[in-house]
Amino acid sequence: MSFGSLDGKLRLWNIPDKKVTLWNELDGQTKLITAVNFCQNGKIAIVGSYDGRCIFYYTDQLKYYTQIHVRSTKGKNAQGRKISGIEEMPGEDKV
């Protein structure tokens, strides 16, 4: 599952009520969300950004947990590239 957001807001929807129950906004200059996925039985939401960051949130209140910057140490990807997909490793708590 991969979704995006042009306004930099991560939203959790209550589908039966057809409304947003929680939302949080990305920090930084590039706020474009390019991928989202859930792991650990839906307890963690992982957001991929256009500038190469993976930001982890607890889903119970969309509280910030941690982030990693996915980038190369040299060359054209040293600033980071967009995250185009996030997958959980089958049977493991790894992404």
Foldseek 3Di string as FASTA:
>chain_A
DWDWDQQLKDFDDDVVVGGTDAIDGDDDDFSIWQTWDADPVRQWIWTWTQQQKTWIAGPVHRHTDDMDGDADVDDPGNRHGTDNYDDADPPDRRD
